[in-house]
Amino acid sequence: MIDKDKCIACGQCVNICPVEAIKFEKDGKPQIDKNICIKCGACENLCPTQAIKIDTKGEDNGKSSLN
């Protein structure tokens, strides 16, 4: 999940995602495609404002519950 209030739209998460699950939306903020995300944590670890939180609880057959 991306906290859009904390997000500064720096794009680091978009650049680091190994499966290209993060894209910029019309509002200028990134969005995570939960059907592509592999929950590797790269974006969460890199985010300078800690706006990204990976939810590894409630796994859905390898799918992410991220926004």
PDB file of N, CA and C in Angstrom:
ATOM      1  N   MET A   1       0.836  -1.172   0.000  1.00  0.00           N
ATOM      2  CA  MET A   1       0.000   0.000   0.000  1.00  0.00           C
ATOM      3  C   MET A   1       0.887   1.244   0.000  1.00  0.00           C
ATOM      4  N   ILE A   2       0.485   2.232  -0.770  1.00  0.00           N
ATOM      5  CA  ILE A   2       1.206   3.495  -0.810  1.00  0.00           C
ATOM      6  C   ILE A   2       0.365   4.559  -0.126  1.00  0.00           C
ATOM      7  N   ASP A   3       0.952   5.190   0.876  1.00  0.00           N
ATOM      8  CA  ASP A   3       0.289   6.302   1.565  1.00  0.00           C
ATOM      9  C   ASP A   3       0.515   7.541   0.707  1.00  0.00           C
ATOM     10  N   LYS A   4      -0.505   7.936  -0.024  1.00  0.00           N
ATOM     11  CA  LYS A   4      -0.367   9.045  -0.962  1.00  0.00           C
ATOM     12  C   LYS A   4      -0.120  10.377  -0.275  1.00  0.00           C
ATOM     13  N   ASP A   5      -0.427  10.474   1.025  1.00  0.00           N
ATOM     14  CA  ASP A   5      -0.127  11.699   1.762  1.00  0.00           C
ATOM     15  C   ASP A   5       1.368  11.814   2.060  1.00  0.00           C
ATOM     16  N   LYS A   6       2.023  10.682   2.267  1.00  0.00           N
ATOM     17  CA  LYS A   6       3.463  10.672   2.537  1.00  0.00           C
ATOM     18  C   LYS A   6       4.291  10.674   1.254  1.00  0.00           C
ATOM     19  N   CYS A   7       3.729  10.154   0.186  1.00  0.00           N
ATOM     20  CA  CYS A   7       4.454   9.999  -1.075  1.00  0.00           C
ATOM     21  C   CYS A   7       4.809  11.359  -1.674  1.00  0.00           C
ATOM     22  N   ILE A   8       6.072  11.503  -2.089  1.00  0.00           N
ATOM     23  CA  ILE A   8       6.523  12.734  -2.732  1.00  0.00           C
ATOM     24  C   ILE A   8       6.713  12.537  -4.238  1.00  0.00           C
ATOM     25  N   ALA A   9       6.263  11.399  -4.748  1.00  0.00           N
ATOM     26  CA  ALA A   9       6.319  11.077  -6.184  1.00  0.00           C
ATOM     27  C   ALA A   9       7.727  11.197  -6.761  1.00  0.00           C
ATOM     28  N   CYS A  10       8.704  10.699  -6.003  1.00  0.00           N
ATOM     29  CA  CYS A  10      10.093  10.774  -6.447  1.00  0.00           C
ATOM     30  C   CYS A  10      10.388   9.765  -7.563  1.00  0.00           C
ATOM     31  N   GLY A  11       9.591   8.699  -7.633  1.00  0.00           N
ATOM     32  CA  GLY A  11       9.761   7.707  -8.695  1.00  0.00           C
ATOM     33  C   GLY A  11      10.761   6.609  -8.399  1.00  0.00           C
ATOM     34  N   GLN A  12      11.374   6.637  -7.234  1.00  0.00           N
ATOM     35  CA  GLN A  12      12.371   5.611  -6.915  1.00  0.00           C
ATOM     36  C   GLN A  12      11.757   4.213  -6.893  1.00  0.00           C
ATOM     37  N   CYS A  13      10.534   4.105  -6.389  1.00  0.00           N
ATOM     38  CA  CYS A  13       9.867   2.800  -6.326  1.00  0.00           C
ATOM     39  C   CYS A  13       9.578   2.269  -7.734  1.00  0.00           C
ATOM     40  N   VAL A  14       9.191   3.167  -8.617  1.00  0.00           N
ATOM     41  CA  VAL A  14       8.904   2.779 -10.005  1.00  0.00           C
ATOM     42  C   VAL A  14      10.168   2.229 -10.651  1.00  0.00           C
ATOM     43  N   ASN A  15      11.285   2.891 -10.405  1.00  0.00           N
ATOM     44  CA  ASN A  15      12.552   2.490 -11.016  1.00  0.00           C
ATOM     45  C   ASN A  15      13.128   1.204 -10.455  1.00  0.00           C
ATOM     46  N   ILE A  16      12.887   0.920  -9.171  1.00  0.00           N
ATOM     47  CA  ILE A  16      13.508  -0.252  -8.550  1.00  0.00           C
ATOM     48  C   ILE A  16      12.679  -1.529  -8.682  1.00  0.00           C
ATOM     49  N   CYS A  17      11.395  -1.415  -8.958  1.00  0.00           N
ATOM     50  CA  CYS A  17      10.532  -2.599  -8.998  1.00  0.00           C
ATOM     51  C   CYS A  17      11.007  -3.585 -10.073  1.00  0.00           C
ATOM     52  N   PRO A  18      11.374  -4.803  -9.666  1.00  0.00           N
ATOM     53  CA  PRO A  18      11.918  -5.769 -10.631  1.00  0.00           C
ATOM     54  C   PRO A  18      10.873  -6.351 -11.588  1.00  0.00           C
ATOM     55  N   VAL A  19       9.602  -6.201 -11.262  1.00  0.00           N
ATOM     56  CA  VAL A  19       8.554  -6.755 -12.126  1.00  0.00           C
ATOM     57  C   VAL A  19       7.660  -5.673 -12.739  1.00  0.00           C
ATOM     58  N   GLU A  20       8.076  -4.418 -12.597  1.00  0.00           N
ATOM     59  CA  GLU A  20       7.347  -3.275 -13.154  1.00  0.00           C
ATOM     60  C   GLU A  20       5.884  -3.237 -12.697  1.00  0.00           C
ATOM     61  N   ALA A  21       5.680  -3.498 -11.402  1.00  0.00           N
ATOM     62  CA  ALA A  21       4.331  -3.502 -10.829  1.00  0.00           C
ATOM     63  C   ALA A  21       3.879  -2.113 -10.390  1.00  0.00           C
ATOM     64  N   ILE A  22       4.779  -1.133 -10.430  1.00  0.00           N
ATOM     65  CA  ILE A  22       4.446   0.213  -9.966  1.00  0.00           C
ATOM     66  C   ILE A  22       4.485   1.177 -11.140  1.00  0.00           C
ATOM     67  N   LYS A  23       3.413   1.897 -11.296  1.00  0.00           N
ATOM     68  CA  LYS A  23       3.291   2.878 -12.382  1.00  0.00           C
ATOM     69  C   LYS A  23       2.694   4.162 -11.818  1.00  0.00           C
ATOM     70  N   PHE A  24       2.999   5.281 -12.466  1.00  0.00           N
ATOM     71  CA  PHE A  24       2.406   6.552 -12.075  1.00  0.00           C
ATOM     72  C   PHE A  24       0.979   6.640 -12.594  1.00  0.00           C
ATOM     73  N   GLU A  25       0.090   7.113 -11.751  1.00  0.00           N
ATOM     74  CA  GLU A  25      -1.319   7.304 -12.099  1.00  0.00           C
ATOM     75  C   GLU A  25      -1.542   8.743 -12.562  1.00  0.00           C
ATOM     76  N   LYS A  26      -2.759   9.044 -12.967  1.00  0.00           N
ATOM     77  CA  LYS A  26      -3.109  10.385 -13.438  1.00  0.00           C
ATOM     78  C   LYS A  26      -2.900  11.454 -12.365  1.00  0.00           C
ATOM     79  N   ASP A  27      -3.018  11.059 -11.087  1.00  0.00           N
ATOM     80  CA  ASP A  27      -2.838  12.021  -9.999  1.00  0.00           C
ATOM     81  C   ASP A  27      -1.364  12.331  -9.723  1.00  0.00           C
ATOM     82  N   GLY A  28      -0.468  11.717 -10.488  1.00  0.00           N
ATOM     83  CA  GLY A  28       0.956  11.960 -10.326  1.00  0.00           C
ATOM     84  C   GLY A  28       1.624  11.114  -9.268  1.00  0.00           C
ATOM     85  N   LYS A  29       0.865  10.248  -8.629  1.00  0.00           N
ATOM     86  CA  LYS A  29       1.404   9.376  -7.579  1.00  0.00           C
ATOM     87  C   LYS A  29       1.495   7.948  -8.111  1.00  0.00           C
ATOM     88  N   PRO A  30       2.424   7.166  -7.579  1.00  0.00           N
ATOM     89  CA  PRO A  30       2.550   5.786  -8.030  1.00  0.00           C
ATOM     90  C   PRO A  30       1.435   4.894  -7.482  1.00  0.00           C
ATOM     91  N   GLN A  31       1.151   3.854  -8.223  1.00  0.00           N
ATOM     92  CA  GLN A  31       0.151   2.856  -7.838  1.00  0.00           C
ATOM     93  C   GLN A  31       0.779   1.484  -8.038  1.00  0.00           C
ATOM     94  N   ILE A  32       0.559   0.583  -7.100  1.00  0.00           N
ATOM     95  CA  ILE A  32       1.090  -0.771  -7.195  1.00  0.00           C
ATOM     96  C   ILE A  32       0.010  -1.696  -7.734  1.00  0.00           C
ATOM     97  N   ASP A  33       0.339  -2.428  -8.789  1.00  0.00           N
ATOM     98  CA  ASP A  33      -0.588  -3.414  -9.343  1.00  0.00           C
ATOM     99  C   ASP A  33      -0.449  -4.689  -8.523  1.00  0.00           C
ATOM    100  N   LYS A  34      -1.457  -4.973  -7.715  1.00  0.00           N
ATOM    101  CA  LYS A  34      -1.390  -6.125  -6.799  1.00  0.00           C
ATOM    102  C   LYS A  34      -1.356  -7.456  -7.531  1.00  0.00           C
ATOM    103  N   ASN A  35      -1.727  -7.476  -8.799  1.00  0.00           N
ATOM    104  CA  ASN A  35      -1.693  -8.713  -9.575  1.00  0.00           C
ATOM    105  C   ASN A  35      -0.306  -9.015 -10.121  1.00  0.00           C
ATOM    106  N   ILE A  36       0.573  -8.027 -10.088  1.00  0.00           N
ATOM    107  CA  ILE A  36       1.936  -8.203 -10.594  1.00  0.00           C
ATOM    108  C   ILE A  36       2.952  -8.248  -9.456  1.00  0.00           C
ATOM    109  N   CYS A  37       2.711  -7.491  -8.391  1.00  0.00           N
ATOM    110  CA  CYS A  37       3.647  -7.362  -7.277  1.00  0.00           C
ATOM    111  C   CYS A  37       4.017  -8.727  -6.683  1.00  0.00           C
ATOM    112  N   ILE A  38       5.312  -8.917  -6.457  1.00  0.00           N
ATOM    113  CA  ILE A  38       5.803 -10.169  -5.869  1.00  0.00           C
ATOM    114  C   ILE A  38       6.201  -9.999  -4.401  1.00  0.00           C
ATOM    115  N   LYS A  39       5.930  -8.822  -3.842  1.00  0.00           N
ATOM    116  CA  LYS A  39       6.204  -8.521  -2.428  1.00  0.00           C
ATOM    117  C   LYS A  39       7.666  -8.714  -2.048  1.00  0.00           C
ATOM    118  N   CYS A  40       8.558  -8.283  -2.924  1.00  0.00           N
ATOM    119  CA  CYS A  40       9.982  -8.440  -2.637  1.00  0.00           C
ATOM    120  C   CYS A  40      10.477  -7.439  -1.603  1.00  0.00           C
ATOM    121  N   GLY A  41       9.764  -6.316  -1.456  1.00  0.00           N
ATOM    122  CA  GLY A  41      10.129  -5.318  -0.456  1.00  0.00           C
ATOM    123  C   GLY A  41      11.112  -4.266  -0.933  1.00  0.00           C
ATOM    124  N   ALA A  42      11.551  -4.346  -2.173  1.00  0.00           N
ATOM    125  CA  ALA A  42      12.531  -3.379  -2.677  1.00  0.00           C
ATOM    126  C   ALA A  42      12.005  -1.948  -2.589  1.00  0.00           C
ATOM    127  N   CYS A  43      10.758  -1.744  -2.988  1.00  0.00           N
ATOM    128  CA  CYS A  43      10.179  -0.401  -2.971  1.00  0.00           C
ATOM    129  C   CYS A  43      10.021   0.114  -1.542  1.00  0.00           C
ATOM    130  N   GLU A  44       9.568  -0.744  -0.662  1.00  0.00           N
ATOM    131  CA  GLU A  44       9.377  -0.356   0.737  1.00  0.00           C
ATOM    132  C   GLU A  44      10.707   0.049   1.371  1.00  0.00           C
ATOM    133  N   ASN A  45      11.754  -0.715   1.103  1.00  0.00           N
ATOM    134  CA  ASN A  45      13.066  -0.436   1.682  1.00  0.00           C
ATOM    135  C   ASN A  45      13.697   0.827   1.116  1.00  0.00           C
ATOM    136  N   LEU A  46      13.389   1.156  -0.133  1.00  0.00           N
ATOM    137  CA  LEU A  46      13.998   2.308  -0.789  1.00  0.00           C
ATOM    138  C   LEU A  46      13.257   3.610  -0.545  1.00  0.00           C
ATOM    139  N   CYS A  47      11.981   3.556  -0.271  1.00  0.00           N
ATOM    140  CA  CYS A  47      11.145   4.756  -0.161  1.00  0.00           C
ATOM    141  C   CYS A  47      11.699   5.743   0.875  1.00  0.00           C
ATOM    142  N   PRO A  48      12.054   6.957   0.439  1.00  0.00           N
ATOM    143  CA  PRO A  48      12.657   7.921   1.362  1.00  0.00           C
ATOM    144  C   PRO A  48      11.689   8.492   2.402  1.00  0.00           C
ATOM    145  N   THR A  49      10.387   8.380   2.161  1.00  0.00           N
ATOM    146  CA  THR A  49       9.405   8.916   3.116  1.00  0.00           C
ATOM    147  C   THR A  49       8.633   7.820   3.835  1.00  0.00           C
ATOM    148  N   GLN A  50       9.019   6.579   3.621  1.00  0.00           N
ATOM    149  CA  GLN A  50       8.355   5.421   4.226  1.00  0.00           C
ATOM    150  C   GLN A  50       6.859   5.405   3.919  1.00  0.00           C
ATOM    151  N   ALA A  51       6.528   5.755   2.684  1.00  0.00           N
ATOM    152  CA  ALA A  51       5.134   5.805   2.253  1.00  0.00           C
ATOM    153  C   ALA A  51       4.608   4.442   1.813  1.00  0.00           C
ATOM    154  N   ILE A  52       5.497   3.476   1.647  1.00  0.00           N
ATOM    155  CA  ILE A  52       5.094   2.150   1.156  1.00  0.00           C
ATOM    156  C   ILE A  52       5.194   1.137   2.279  1.00  0.00           C
ATOM    157  N   LYS A  53       4.129   0.374   2.445  1.00  0.00           N
ATOM    158  CA  LYS A  53       4.103  -0.714   3.424  1.00  0.00           C
ATOM    159  C   LYS A  53       3.667  -1.982   2.707  1.00  0.00           C
ATOM    160  N   ILE A  54       4.470  -3.016   2.826  1.00  0.00           N
ATOM    161  CA  ILE A  54       4.154  -4.310   2.226  1.00  0.00           C
ATOM    162  C   ILE A  54       3.342  -5.116   3.228  1.00  0.00           C
ATOM    163  N   ASP A  55       2.185  -5.598   2.797  1.00  0.00           N
ATOM    164  CA  ASP A  55       1.330  -6.432   3.644  1.00  0.00           C
ATOM    165  C   ASP A  55       1.562  -7.885   3.259  1.00  0.00           C
ATOM    166  N   THR A  56       2.356  -8.587   4.066  1.00  0.00           N
ATOM    167  CA  THR A  56       2.631  -9.991   3.776  1.00  0.00           C
ATOM    168  C   THR A  56       1.673 -10.914   4.498  1.00  0.00           C
ATOM    169  N   LYS A  57       0.804 -10.360   5.335  1.00  0.00           N
ATOM    170  CA  LYS A  57      -0.215 -11.170   6.000  1.00  0.00           C
ATOM    171  C   LYS A  57      -1.393 -11.317   5.061  1.00  0.00           C
ATOM    172  N   GLY A  58      -2.113 -12.401   5.167  1.00  0.00           N
ATOM    173  CA  GLY A  58      -3.282 -12.608   4.325  1.00  0.00           C
ATOM    174  C   GLY A  58      -2.924 -12.801   2.868  1.00  0.00           C
ATOM    175  N   GLU A  59      -1.843 -13.538   2.621  1.00  0.00           N
ATOM    176  CA  GLU A  59      -1.417 -13.778   1.247  1.00  0.00           C
ATOM    177  C   GLU A  59      -2.518 -14.455   0.463  1.00  0.00           C
ATOM    178  N   ASP A  60      -2.615 -14.087  -0.794  1.00  0.00           N
ATOM    179  CA  ASP A  60      -3.672 -14.593  -1.669  1.00  0.00           C
ATOM    180  C   ASP A  60      -3.059 -15.332  -2.847  1.00  0.00           C
ATOM    181  N   ASN A  61      -2.598 -16.574  -2.590  1.00  0.00           N
ATOM    182  CA  ASN A  61      -1.984 -17.390  -3.627  1.00  0.00           C
ATOM    183  C   ASN A  61      -0.852 -16.653  -4.330  1.00  0.00           C
ATOM    184  N   GLY A  62       0.001 -15.984  -3.560  1.00  0.00           N
ATOM    185  CA  GLY A  62       1.135 -15.293  -4.135  1.00  0.00           C
ATOM    186  C   GLY A  62       0.809 -13.913  -4.657  1.00  0.00           C
ATOM    187  N   LYS A  63      -0.426 -13.509  -4.570  1.00  0.00           N
ATOM    188  CA  LYS A  63      -0.806 -12.171  -5.027  1.00  0.00           C
ATOM    189  C   LYS A  63      -0.647 -11.178  -3.884  1.00  0.00           C
ATOM    190  N   SER A  64      -0.432  -9.955  -4.204  1.00  0.00           N
ATOM    191  CA  SER A  64      -0.239  -8.909  -3.220  1.00  0.00           C
ATOM    192  C   SER A  64      -1.550  -8.258  -2.831  1.00  0.00           C
ATOM    193  N   SER A  65      -1.597  -7.719  -1.611  1.00  0.00           N
ATOM    194  CA  SER A  65      -2.771  -6.974  -1.196  1.00  0.00           C
ATOM    195  C   SER A  65      -2.440  -5.486  -1.143  1.00  0.00           C
ATOM    196  N   LEU A  66      -1.523  -5.063  -1.994  1.00  0.00           N
ATOM    197  CA  LEU A  66      -1.111  -3.668  -2.028  1.00  0.00           C
ATOM    198  C   LEU A  66      -2.011  -2.849  -2.913  1.00  0.00           C
ATOM    199  N   ASN A  67      -2.001  -1.541  -2.679  1.00  0.00           N
ATOM    200  CA  ASN A  67      -2.730  -0.594  -3.548  1.00  0.00           C
ATOM    201  C   ASN A  67      -1.766   0.033  -4.486  1.00  0.00           C
TER     202      ASN A  67
END
